[in-house]
């Protein structure tokens, strides 16, 4: 890690974590919608 690195560029671990969180959020949102659809049609 050099001091000359641009400060606006996040480290690779942070980028991976953000991508993973975004993926998990999308999966969670889609799963919730599917769950509501299933509950709505069966109920």
C-alpha atoms as a PDB file:
ATOM      1  CA  UNK A   1       0.000   0.000   0.000  1.00  0.00           C
ATOM      2  CA  UNK A   2       1.693   3.151  -1.203  1.00  0.00           C
ATOM      3  CA  UNK A   3       0.910   6.682  -0.129  1.00  0.00           C
ATOM      4  CA  UNK A   4       0.781   7.671  -3.805  1.00  0.00           C
ATOM      5  CA  UNK A   5      -2.281   5.500  -4.359  1.00  0.00           C
ATOM      6  CA  UNK A   6      -5.397   7.513  -5.303  1.00  0.00           C
ATOM      7  CA  UNK A   7      -7.581   7.917  -2.223  1.00  0.00           C
ATOM      8  CA  UNK A   8     -10.863   7.760  -4.145  1.00  0.00           C
ATOM      9  CA  UNK A   9     -10.139   4.172  -5.220  1.00  0.00           C
ATOM     10  CA  UNK A  10     -11.365   1.721  -2.548  1.00  0.00           C
ATOM     11  CA  UNK A  11      -9.159  -1.277  -1.723  1.00  0.00           C
ATOM     12  CA  UNK A  12      -9.888  -4.550  -3.502  1.00  0.00           C
ATOM     13  CA  UNK A  13     -11.311  -6.248  -0.387  1.00  0.00           C
ATOM     14  CA  UNK A  14     -13.789  -3.397   0.056  1.00  0.00           C
ATOM     15  CA  UNK A  15     -14.794  -3.582  -3.606  1.00  0.00           C
ATOM     16  CA  UNK A  16     -15.374  -7.338  -3.323  1.00  0.00           C
ATOM     17  CA  UNK A  17     -17.377  -6.898  -0.117  1.00  0.00           C
ATOM     18  CA  UNK A  18     -19.529  -4.192  -1.722  1.00  0.00           C
ATOM     19  CA  UNK A  19     -20.174  -6.380  -4.776  1.00  0.00           C
ATOM     20  CA  UNK A  20     -21.062  -9.314  -2.526  1.00  0.00           C
ATOM     21  CA  UNK A  21     -23.441  -7.162  -0.461  1.00  0.00           C
ATOM     22  CA  UNK A  22     -25.078  -5.824  -3.619  1.00  0.00           C
ATOM     23  CA  UNK A  23     -25.524  -9.381  -4.946  1.00  0.00           C
ATOM     24  CA  UNK A  24     -26.938 -10.551  -1.609  1.00  0.00           C
ATOM     25  CA  UNK A  25     -29.344  -7.594  -1.548  1.00  0.00           C
ATOM     26  CA  UNK A  26     -30.593  -8.351  -5.058  1.00  0.00           C
ATOM     27  CA  UNK A  27     -31.024 -12.046  -4.236  1.00  0.00           C
ATOM     28  CA  UNK A  28     -32.835 -11.148  -1.021  1.00  0.00           C
ATOM     29  CA  UNK A  29     -35.169  -8.714  -2.807  1.00  0.00           C
ATOM     30  CA  UNK A  30     -36.003 -11.238  -5.550  1.00  0.00           C
ATOM     31  CA  UNK A  31     -36.550 -13.951  -2.954  1.00  0.00           C
ATOM     32  CA  UNK A  32     -38.891 -11.732  -0.949  1.00  0.00           C
ATOM     33  CA  UNK A  33     -40.924 -10.889  -4.065  1.00  0.00           C
ATOM     34  CA  UNK A  34     -41.161 -14.569  -5.019  1.00  0.00           C
ATOM     35  CA  UNK A  35     -42.174 -15.440  -1.460  1.00  0.00           C
ATOM     36  CA  UNK A  36     -44.914 -12.796  -1.467  1.00  0.00           C
ATOM     37  CA  UNK A  37     -46.150 -14.052  -4.850  1.00  0.00           C
ATOM     38  CA  UNK A  38     -46.278 -17.657  -3.622  1.00  0.00           C
ATOM     39  CA  UNK A  39     -48.008 -16.667  -0.384  1.00  0.00           C
ATOM     40  CA  UNK A  40     -50.458 -14.472  -2.291  1.00  0.00           C
ATOM     41  CA  UNK A  41     -51.424 -17.188  -4.770  1.00  0.00           C
ATOM     42  CA  UNK A  42     -51.674 -20.018  -2.227  1.00  0.00           C
ATOM     43  CA  UNK A  43     -53.368 -17.937   0.437  1.00  0.00           C
END
